[in-house]
Structure formats: C-alpha cells, structure tokens
Amino acid sequence: MPQIRPIKDLRNTTEISELCHQKQEPIFITKNGYGDLVVMSIETYESTIAKLDLYQKLAEAEAQIKNGVELLDGEEVFKKLREKHGKK
C-alpha cells in the first residue's frame, strides 16, 4: 500500500528517510490535499531507473523483430566475445 503523507511531515527528515528505506517504495507527499512530490531512497530510485531502462531495451528489441531486423545467433555472439576477451 503506498504511503501518502502531508508536506508538513517533511519537517521530520529522519522519519521520512527511515520510512523510505524500510518500505523500499516511493512516498507520495500531498500539499493542500493534492499530490505534490514523490520521495524515495536512492536504492529505490536506482532500481526504478534500471527497470525503465530494461523495459525500453525490450521495447526496442520487440520493434526490431516486428520490423524484420535480422536476429543474431546467441551462441555465435558469445563465442566471438570469448575469443575477443580471451575467456573460454
């Protein structure tokens, strides 16, 4: 369940910080009863950005497949990488 807090709660930065780290999800801050800000830990932010990056790459790959871009053979790609970087 998302945490929703009024903006006055930001005065207690320690409590908000601890809550962000405990819940590992964004905290929604309201001002005059309306959504205003989102606060989250660095770890949650980085995780969210990583997921967005992955989704973007998946969407690009799906578009390439849909548009008929020639696919690479996975085993061949790994073989070339091993040869290039000297790992067998």
PDB file of N, CA and C in Angstrom:
ATOM      1  N   MET A   1       0.846  -1.169   0.000  1.00  0.00           N
ATOM      2  CA  MET A   1       0.000   0.000   0.000  1.00  0.00           C
ATOM      3  C   MET A   1       0.900   1.242   0.000  1.00  0.00           C
ATOM      4  N   PRO A   2       0.683   2.145  -0.913  1.00  0.00           N
ATOM      5  CA  PRO A   2       1.557   3.327  -0.964  1.00  0.00           C
ATOM      6  C   PRO A   2       1.380   4.219   0.267  1.00  0.00           C
ATOM      7  N   GLN A   3       2.481   4.811   0.665  1.00  0.00           N
ATOM      8  CA  GLN A   3       2.471   5.761   1.772  1.00  0.00           C
ATOM      9  C   GLN A   3       2.145   7.143   1.219  1.00  0.00           C
ATOM     10  N   ILE A   4       1.166   7.796   1.804  1.00  0.00           N
ATOM     11  CA  ILE A   4       0.795   9.153   1.416  1.00  0.00           C
ATOM     12  C   ILE A   4       0.898  10.017   2.666  1.00  0.00           C
ATOM     13  N   ARG A   5       1.697  11.064   2.584  1.00  0.00           N
ATOM     14  CA  ARG A   5       1.941  11.920   3.739  1.00  0.00           C
ATOM     15  C   ARG A   5       1.741  13.381   3.356  1.00  0.00           C
ATOM     16  N   PRO A   6       1.282  14.196   4.293  1.00  0.00           N
ATOM     17  CA  PRO A   6       1.186  15.632   4.026  1.00  0.00           C
ATOM     18  C   PRO A   6       2.575  16.269   4.026  1.00  0.00           C
ATOM     19  N   ILE A   7       2.699  17.379   3.347  1.00  0.00           N
ATOM     20  CA  ILE A   7       4.003  18.027   3.190  1.00  0.00           C
ATOM     21  C   ILE A   7       4.610  18.435   4.535  1.00  0.00           C
ATOM     22  N   LYS A   8       3.787  18.695   5.541  1.00  0.00           N
ATOM     23  CA  LYS A   8       4.320  19.086   6.864  1.00  0.00           C
ATOM     24  C   LYS A   8       5.162  17.973   7.481  1.00  0.00           C
ATOM     25  N   ASP A   9       4.929  16.702   7.066  1.00  0.00           N
ATOM     26  CA  ASP A   9       5.721  15.585   7.593  1.00  0.00           C
ATOM     27  C   ASP A   9       7.176  15.639   7.141  1.00  0.00           C
ATOM     28  N   LEU A  10       7.466  16.431   6.112  1.00  0.00           N
ATOM     29  CA  LEU A  10       8.853  16.549   5.645  1.00  0.00           C
ATOM     30  C   LEU A  10       9.739  17.253   6.667  1.00  0.00           C
ATOM     31  N   ARG A  11       9.135  17.890   7.653  1.00  0.00           N
ATOM     32  CA  ARG A  11       9.921  18.525   8.719  1.00  0.00           C
ATOM     33  C   ARG A  11      10.733  17.488   9.491  1.00  0.00           C
ATOM     34  N   ASN A  12      10.197  16.290   9.595  1.00  0.00           N
ATOM     35  CA  ASN A  12      10.892  15.215  10.303  1.00  0.00           C
ATOM     36  C   ASN A  12      11.634  14.359   9.273  1.00  0.00           C
ATOM     37  N   THR A  13      12.771  14.856   8.856  1.00  0.00           N
ATOM     38  CA  THR A  13      13.516  14.193   7.778  1.00  0.00           C
ATOM     39  C   THR A  13      13.994  12.799   8.151  1.00  0.00           C
ATOM     40  N   THR A  14      14.349  12.605   9.406  1.00  0.00           N
ATOM     41  CA  THR A  14      14.820  11.285   9.836  1.00  0.00           C
ATOM     42  C   THR A  14      13.721  10.241   9.682  1.00  0.00           C
ATOM     43  N   GLU A  15      12.512  10.580  10.097  1.00  0.00           N
ATOM     44  CA  GLU A  15      11.392   9.642   9.983  1.00  0.00           C
ATOM     45  C   GLU A  15      11.088   9.324   8.519  1.00  0.00           C
ATOM     46  N   ILE A  16      11.074  10.336   7.678  1.00  0.00           N
ATOM     47  CA  ILE A  16      10.798  10.123   6.249  1.00  0.00           C
ATOM     48  C   ILE A  16      11.897   9.261   5.627  1.00  0.00           C
ATOM     49  N   SER A  17      13.156   9.537   5.961  1.00  0.00           N
ATOM     50  CA  SER A  17      14.270   8.747   5.435  1.00  0.00           C
ATOM     51  C   SER A  17      14.148   7.286   5.854  1.00  0.00           C
ATOM     52  N   GLU A  18      13.881   7.052   7.126  1.00  0.00           N
ATOM     53  CA  GLU A  18      13.738   5.681   7.617  1.00  0.00           C
ATOM     54  C   GLU A  18      12.579   4.968   6.940  1.00  0.00           C
ATOM     55  N   LEU A  19      11.479   5.678   6.756  1.00  0.00           N
ATOM     56  CA  LEU A  19      10.314   5.092   6.107  1.00  0.00           C
ATOM     57  C   LEU A  19      10.629   4.717   4.657  1.00  0.00           C
ATOM     58  N   CYS A  20      11.346   5.593   3.967  1.00  0.00           N
ATOM     59  CA  CYS A  20      11.738   5.303   2.577  1.00  0.00           C
ATOM     60  C   CYS A  20      12.582   4.039   2.496  1.00  0.00           C
ATOM     61  N   HIS A  21      13.511   3.883   3.424  1.00  0.00           N
ATOM     62  CA  HIS A  21      14.394   2.717   3.407  1.00  0.00           C
ATOM     63  C   HIS A  21      13.674   1.448   3.865  1.00  0.00           C
ATOM     64  N   GLN A  22      12.751   1.571   4.799  1.00  0.00           N
ATOM     65  CA  GLN A  22      12.008   0.403   5.283  1.00  0.00           C
ATOM     66  C   GLN A  22      11.060  -0.127   4.217  1.00  0.00           C
ATOM     67  N   LYS A  23      10.306   0.766   3.619  1.00  0.00           N
ATOM     68  CA  LYS A  23       9.262   0.361   2.668  1.00  0.00           C
ATOM     69  C   LYS A  23       9.819   0.041   1.288  1.00  0.00           C
ATOM     70  N   GLN A  24      10.954   0.606   0.949  1.00  0.00           N
ATOM     71  CA  GLN A  24      11.581   0.421  -0.368  1.00  0.00           C
ATOM     72  C   GLN A  24      10.610   0.724  -1.504  1.00  0.00           C
ATOM     73  N   GLU A  25       9.822   1.764  -1.302  1.00  0.00           N
ATOM     74  CA  GLU A  25       8.914   2.248  -2.341  1.00  0.00           C
ATOM     75  C   GLU A  25       8.748   3.749  -2.141  1.00  0.00           C
ATOM     76  N   PRO A  26       8.271   4.441  -3.151  1.00  0.00           N
ATOM     77  CA  PRO A  26       8.114   5.896  -3.033  1.00  0.00           C
ATOM     78  C   PRO A  26       7.086   6.284  -1.974  1.00  0.00           C
ATOM     79  N   ILE A  27       7.293   7.454  -1.405  1.00  0.00           N
ATOM     80  CA  ILE A  27       6.312   8.061  -0.501  1.00  0.00           C
ATOM     81  C   ILE A  27       5.736   9.263  -1.238  1.00  0.00           C
ATOM     82  N   PHE A  28       4.420   9.323  -1.305  1.00  0.00           N
ATOM     83  CA  PHE A  28       3.749  10.405  -2.004  1.00  0.00           C
ATOM     84  C   PHE A  28       3.438  11.520  -1.009  1.00  0.00           C
ATOM     85  N   ILE A  29       3.841  12.732  -1.356  1.00  0.00           N
ATOM     86  CA  ILE A  29       3.657  13.892  -0.494  1.00  0.00           C
ATOM     87  C   ILE A  29       2.548  14.759  -1.084  1.00  0.00           C
ATOM     88  N   THR A  30       1.592  15.135  -0.209  1.00  0.00           N
ATOM     89  CA  THR A  30       0.485  15.974  -0.662  1.00  0.00           C
ATOM     90  C   THR A  30       0.631  17.385  -0.117  1.00  0.00           C
ATOM     91  N   LYS A  31       0.081  18.320  -0.848  1.00  0.00           N
ATOM     92  CA  LYS A  31       0.048  19.720  -0.437  1.00  0.00           C
ATOM     93  C   LYS A  31      -1.377  20.204  -0.658  1.00  0.00           C
ATOM     94  N   ASN A  32      -2.007  20.657   0.396  1.00  0.00           N
ATOM     95  CA  ASN A  32      -3.405  21.094   0.340  1.00  0.00           C
ATOM     96  C   ASN A  32      -4.312  20.001  -0.215  1.00  0.00           C
ATOM     97  N   GLY A  33      -3.992  18.749   0.119  1.00  0.00           N
ATOM     98  CA  GLY A  33      -4.835  17.635  -0.281  1.00  0.00           C
ATOM     99  C   GLY A  33      -4.581  17.092  -1.678  1.00  0.00           C
ATOM    100  N   TYR A  34      -3.621  17.660  -2.395  1.00  0.00           N
ATOM    101  CA  TYR A  34      -3.324  17.212  -3.760  1.00  0.00           C
ATOM    102  C   TYR A  34      -1.897  16.684  -3.849  1.00  0.00           C
ATOM    103  N   GLY A  35      -1.665  15.747  -4.738  1.00  0.00           N
ATOM    104  CA  GLY A  35      -0.325  15.215  -4.940  1.00  0.00           C
ATOM    105  C   GLY A  35       0.639  16.316  -5.332  1.00  0.00           C
ATOM    106  N   ASP A  36       1.830  16.305  -4.718  1.00  0.00           N
ATOM    107  CA  ASP A  36       2.809  17.349  -4.984  1.00  0.00           C
ATOM    108  C   ASP A  36       4.199  16.802  -5.263  1.00  0.00           C
ATOM    109  N   LEU A  37       4.654  15.852  -4.448  1.00  0.00           N
ATOM    110  CA  LEU A  37       6.015  15.334  -4.566  1.00  0.00           C
ATOM    111  C   LEU A  37       6.038  13.822  -4.384  1.00  0.00           C
ATOM    112  N   VAL A  38       7.131  13.231  -4.812  1.00  0.00           N
ATOM    113  CA  VAL A  38       7.409  11.823  -4.524  1.00  0.00           C
ATOM    114  C   VAL A  38       8.811  11.763  -3.947  1.00  0.00           C
ATOM    115  N   VAL A  39       8.947  11.064  -2.823  1.00  0.00           N
ATOM    116  CA  VAL A  39      10.241  10.927  -2.150  1.00  0.00           C
ATOM    117  C   VAL A  39      10.559   9.440  -2.073  1.00  0.00           C
ATOM    118  N   MET A  40      11.820   9.094  -2.379  1.00  0.00           N
ATOM    119  CA  MET A  40      12.232   7.693  -2.302  1.00  0.00           C
ATOM    120  C   MET A  40      13.713   7.600  -1.997  1.00  0.00           C
ATOM    121  N   SER A  41      14.139   6.422  -1.565  1.00  0.00           N
ATOM    122  CA  SER A  41      15.557   6.201  -1.285  1.00  0.00           C
ATOM    123  C   SER A  41      16.332   6.115  -2.599  1.00  0.00           C
ATOM    124  N   ILE A  42      17.609   6.300  -2.508  1.00  0.00           N
ATOM    125  CA  ILE A  42      18.477   6.171  -3.690  1.00  0.00           C
ATOM    126  C   ILE A  42      18.363   4.767  -4.279  1.00  0.00           C
ATOM    127  N   GLU A  43      18.321   3.757  -3.412  1.00  0.00           N
ATOM    128  CA  GLU A  43      18.234   2.376  -3.881  1.00  0.00           C
ATOM    129  C   GLU A  43      16.946   2.151  -4.680  1.00  0.00           C
ATOM    130  N   THR A  44      15.835   2.666  -4.176  1.00  0.00           N
ATOM    131  CA  THR A  44      14.561   2.527  -4.878  1.00  0.00           C
ATOM    132  C   THR A  44      14.597   3.271  -6.201  1.00  0.00           C
ATOM    133  N   TYR A  45      15.181   4.459  -6.198  1.00  0.00           N
ATOM    134  CA  TYR A  45      15.298   5.246  -7.427  1.00  0.00           C
ATOM    135  C   TYR A  45      16.131   4.496  -8.471  1.00  0.00           C
ATOM    136  N   GLU A  46      17.288   4.002  -8.054  1.00  0.00           N
ATOM    137  CA  GLU A  46      18.163   3.294  -8.991  1.00  0.00           C
ATOM    138  C   GLU A  46      17.490   2.034  -9.536  1.00  0.00           C
ATOM    139  N   SER A  47      16.777   1.322  -8.688  1.00  0.00           N
ATOM    140  CA  SER A  47      16.055   0.131  -9.118  1.00  0.00           C
ATOM    141  C   SER A  47      14.974   0.484 -10.143  1.00  0.00           C
ATOM    142  N   THR A  48      14.269   1.569  -9.881  1.00  0.00           N
ATOM    143  CA  THR A  48      13.218   2.023 -10.802  1.00  0.00           C
ATOM    144  C   THR A  48      13.809   2.414 -12.149  1.00  0.00           C
ATOM    145  N   ILE A  49      14.906   3.146 -12.134  1.00  0.00           N
ATOM    146  CA  ILE A  49      15.563   3.559 -13.377  1.00  0.00           C
ATOM    147  C   ILE A  49      16.064   2.339 -14.147  1.00  0.00           C
ATOM    148  N   ALA A  50      16.627   1.359 -13.442  1.00  0.00           N
ATOM    149  CA  ALA A  50      17.120   0.141 -14.101  1.00  0.00           C
ATOM    150  C   ALA A  50      15.973  -0.611 -14.781  1.00  0.00           C
ATOM    151  N   LYS A  51      14.828  -0.693 -14.106  1.00  0.00           N
ATOM    152  CA  LYS A  51      13.670  -1.358 -14.710  1.00  0.00           C
ATOM    153  C   LYS A  51      13.192  -0.615 -15.950  1.00  0.00           C
ATOM    154  N   LEU A  52      13.140   0.710 -15.864  1.00  0.00           N
ATOM    155  CA  LEU A  52      12.713   1.502 -17.024  1.00  0.00           C
ATOM    156  C   LEU A  52      13.664   1.300 -18.204  1.00  0.00           C
ATOM    157  N   ASP A  53      14.969   1.244 -17.911  1.00  0.00           N
ATOM    158  CA  ASP A  53      15.961   1.021 -18.954  1.00  0.00           C
ATOM    159  C   ASP A  53      15.765  -0.353 -19.598  1.00  0.00           C
ATOM    160  N   LEU A  54      15.506  -1.364 -18.779  1.00  0.00           N
ATOM    161  CA  LEU A  54      15.269  -2.709 -19.291  1.00  0.00           C
ATOM    162  C   LEU A  54      14.014  -2.744 -20.165  1.00  0.00           C
ATOM    163  N   TYR A  55      12.933  -2.120 -19.681  1.00  0.00           N
ATOM    164  CA  TYR A  55      11.687  -2.092 -20.466  1.00  0.00           C
ATOM    165  C   TYR A  55      11.892  -1.391 -21.800  1.00  0.00           C
ATOM    166  N   GLN A  56      12.686  -0.318 -21.802  1.00  0.00           N
ATOM    167  CA  GLN A  56      12.959   0.402 -23.039  1.00  0.00           C
ATOM    168  C   GLN A  56      13.730  -0.488 -24.017  1.00  0.00           C
ATOM    169  N   LYS A  57      14.726  -1.201 -23.512  1.00  0.00           N
ATOM    170  CA  LYS A  57      15.507  -2.095 -24.372  1.00  0.00           C
ATOM    171  C   LYS A  57      14.651  -3.235 -24.915  1.00  0.00           C
ATOM    172  N   LEU A  58      13.767  -3.768 -24.083  1.00  0.00           N
ATOM    173  CA  LEU A  58      12.860  -4.817 -24.551  1.00  0.00           C
ATOM    174  C   LEU A  58      11.923  -4.292 -25.628  1.00  0.00           C
ATOM    175  N   ALA A  59      11.414  -3.081 -25.453  1.00  0.00           N
ATOM    176  CA  ALA A  59      10.524  -2.484 -26.452  1.00  0.00           C
ATOM    177  C   ALA A  59      11.266  -2.271 -27.774  1.00  0.00           C
ATOM    178  N   GLU A  60      12.516  -1.820 -27.699  1.00  0.00           N
ATOM    179  CA  GLU A  60      13.329  -1.640 -28.906  1.00  0.00           C
ATOM    180  C   GLU A  60      13.559  -2.975 -29.603  1.00  0.00           C
ATOM    181  N   ALA A  61      13.855  -4.016 -28.833  1.00  0.00           N
ATOM    182  CA  ALA A  61      14.091  -5.340 -29.418  1.00  0.00           C
ATOM    183  C   ALA A  61      12.824  -5.871 -30.079  1.00  0.00           C
ATOM    184  N   GLU A  62      11.677  -5.689 -29.413  1.00  0.00           N
ATOM    185  CA  GLU A  62      10.415  -6.135 -29.998  1.00  0.00           C
ATOM    186  C   GLU A  62      10.116  -5.381 -31.294  1.00  0.00           C
ATOM    187  N   ALA A  63      10.423  -4.084 -31.320  1.00  0.00           N
ATOM    188  CA  ALA A  63      10.211  -3.293 -32.540  1.00  0.00           C
ATOM    189  C   ALA A  63      11.124  -3.777 -33.660  1.00  0.00           C
ATOM    190  N   GLN A  64      12.361  -4.121 -33.320  1.00  0.00           N
ATOM    191  CA  GLN A  64      13.294  -4.630 -34.328  1.00  0.00           C
ATOM    192  C   GLN A  64      12.783  -5.951 -34.907  1.00  0.00           C
ATOM    193  N   ILE A  65      12.294  -6.819 -34.051  1.00  0.00           N
ATOM    194  CA  ILE A  65      11.754  -8.102 -34.521  1.00  0.00           C
ATOM    195  C   ILE A  65      10.548  -7.851 -35.418  1.00  0.00           C
ATOM    196  N   LYS A  66       9.669  -6.970 -34.997  1.00  0.00           N
ATOM    197  CA  LYS A  66       8.466  -6.653 -35.767  1.00  0.00           C
ATOM    198  C   LYS A  66       8.823  -6.077 -37.137  1.00  0.00           C
ATOM    199  N   ASN A  67       9.905  -5.298 -37.193  1.00  0.00           N
ATOM    200  CA  ASN A  67      10.323  -4.660 -38.446  1.00  0.00           C
ATOM    201  C   ASN A  67      11.236  -5.527 -39.283  1.00  0.00           C
ATOM    202  N   GLY A  68      11.447  -6.763 -38.852  1.00  0.00           N
ATOM    203  CA  GLY A  68      12.212  -7.708 -39.656  1.00  0.00           C
ATOM    204  C   GLY A  68      13.716  -7.556 -39.597  1.00  0.00           C
ATOM    205  N   VAL A  69      14.240  -6.908 -38.581  1.00  0.00           N
ATOM    206  CA  VAL A  69      15.687  -6.788 -38.440  1.00  0.00           C
ATOM    207  C   VAL A  69      16.249  -8.182 -38.189  1.00  0.00           C
ATOM    208  N   GLU A  70      17.336  -8.506 -38.877  1.00  0.00           N
ATOM    209  CA  GLU A  70      17.933  -9.831 -38.757  1.00  0.00           C
ATOM    210  C   GLU A  70      18.430 -10.068 -37.329  1.00  0.00           C
ATOM    211  N   LEU A  71      18.090 -11.217 -36.792  1.00  0.00           N
ATOM    212  CA  LEU A  71      18.488 -11.568 -35.432  1.00  0.00           C
ATOM    213  C   LEU A  71      19.873 -12.203 -35.429  1.00  0.00           C
ATOM    214  N   LEU A  72      20.577 -12.024 -34.327  1.00  0.00           N
ATOM    215  CA  LEU A  72      21.886 -12.634 -34.160  1.00  0.00           C
ATOM    216  C   LEU A  72      21.736 -13.951 -33.411  1.00  0.00           C
ATOM    217  N   ASP A  73      22.604 -14.898 -33.727  1.00  0.00           N
ATOM    218  CA  ASP A  73      22.611 -16.173 -33.014  1.00  0.00           C
ATOM    219  C   ASP A  73      23.354 -15.975 -31.691  1.00  0.00           C
ATOM    220  N   GLY A  74      22.692 -16.261 -30.592  1.00  0.00           N
ATOM    221  CA  GLY A  74      23.262 -16.047 -29.270  1.00  0.00           C
ATOM    222  C   GLY A  74      24.563 -16.790 -29.053  1.00  0.00           C
ATOM    223  N   GLU A  75      24.615 -18.057 -29.446  1.00  0.00           N
ATOM    224  CA  GLU A  75      25.839 -18.845 -29.255  1.00  0.00           C
ATOM    225  C   GLU A  75      27.001 -18.249 -30.031  1.00  0.00           C
ATOM    226  N   GLU A  76      26.733 -17.767 -31.231  1.00  0.00           N
ATOM    227  CA  GLU A  76      27.786 -17.168 -32.055  1.00  0.00           C
ATOM    228  C   GLU A  76      28.289 -15.866 -31.422  1.00  0.00           C
ATOM    229  N   VAL A  77      27.384 -15.072 -30.894  1.00  0.00           N
ATOM    230  CA  VAL A  77      27.775 -13.820 -30.229  1.00  0.00           C
ATOM    231  C   VAL A  77      28.666 -14.114 -29.025  1.00  0.00           C
ATOM    232  N   PHE A  78      28.276 -15.077 -28.183  1.00  0.00           N
ATOM    233  CA  PHE A  78      29.086 -15.407 -27.011  1.00  0.00           C
ATOM    234  C   PHE A  78      30.433 -15.995 -27.406  1.00  0.00           C
ATOM    235  N   LYS A  79      30.452 -16.781 -28.469  1.00  0.00           N
ATOM    236  CA  LYS A  79      31.716 -17.354 -28.945  1.00  0.00           C
ATOM    237  C   LYS A  79      32.678 -16.237 -29.356  1.00  0.00           C
ATOM    238  N   LYS A  80      32.168 -15.245 -30.094  1.00  0.00           N
ATOM    239  CA  LYS A  80      33.016 -14.130 -30.521  1.00  0.00           C
ATOM    240  C   LYS A  80      33.498 -13.309 -29.331  1.00  0.00           C
ATOM    241  N   LEU A  81      32.634 -13.118 -28.348  1.00  0.00           N
ATOM    242  CA  LEU A  81      33.036 -12.382 -27.143  1.00  0.00           C
ATOM    243  C   LEU A  81      34.127 -13.109 -26.382  1.00  0.00           C
ATOM    244  N   ARG A  82      33.996 -14.442 -26.275  1.00  0.00           N
ATOM    245  CA  ARG A  82      35.028 -15.219 -25.591  1.00  0.00           C
ATOM    246  C   ARG A  82      36.354 -15.139 -26.316  1.00  0.00           C
ATOM    247  N   GLU A  83      36.304 -15.214 -27.642  1.00  0.00           N
ATOM    248  CA  GLU A  83      37.531 -15.121 -28.438  1.00  0.00           C
ATOM    249  C   GLU A  83      38.173 -13.741 -28.275  1.00  0.00           C
ATOM    250  N   LYS A  84      37.346 -12.714 -28.301  1.00  0.00           N
ATOM    251  CA  LYS A  84      37.856 -11.348 -28.219  1.00  0.00           C
ATOM    252  C   LYS A  84      38.458 -11.049 -26.846  1.00  0.00           C
ATOM    253  N   HIS A  85      37.833 -11.553 -25.809  1.00  0.00           N
ATOM    254  CA  HIS A  85      38.275 -11.230 -24.457  1.00  0.00           C
ATOM    255  C   HIS A  85      39.091 -12.337 -23.797  1.00  0.00           C
ATOM    256  N   GLY A  86      39.366 -13.400 -24.549  1.00  0.00           N
ATOM    257  CA  GLY A  86      40.260 -14.448 -24.089  1.00  0.00           C
ATOM    258  C   GLY A  86      39.719 -15.361 -23.017  1.00  0.00           C
ATOM    259  N   LYS A  87      38.423 -15.426 -22.840  1.00  0.00           N
ATOM    260  CA  LYS A  87      37.849 -16.330 -21.849  1.00  0.00           C
ATOM    261  C   LYS A  87      37.183 -17.501 -22.567  1.00  0.00           C
ATOM    262  N   LYS A  88      37.438 -18.688 -22.058  1.00  0.00           N
ATOM    263  CA  LYS A  88      36.915 -19.880 -22.729  1.00  0.00           C
ATOM    264  C   LYS A  88      35.937 -20.609 -21.879  1.00  0.00           C
TER     265      LYS A  88
END
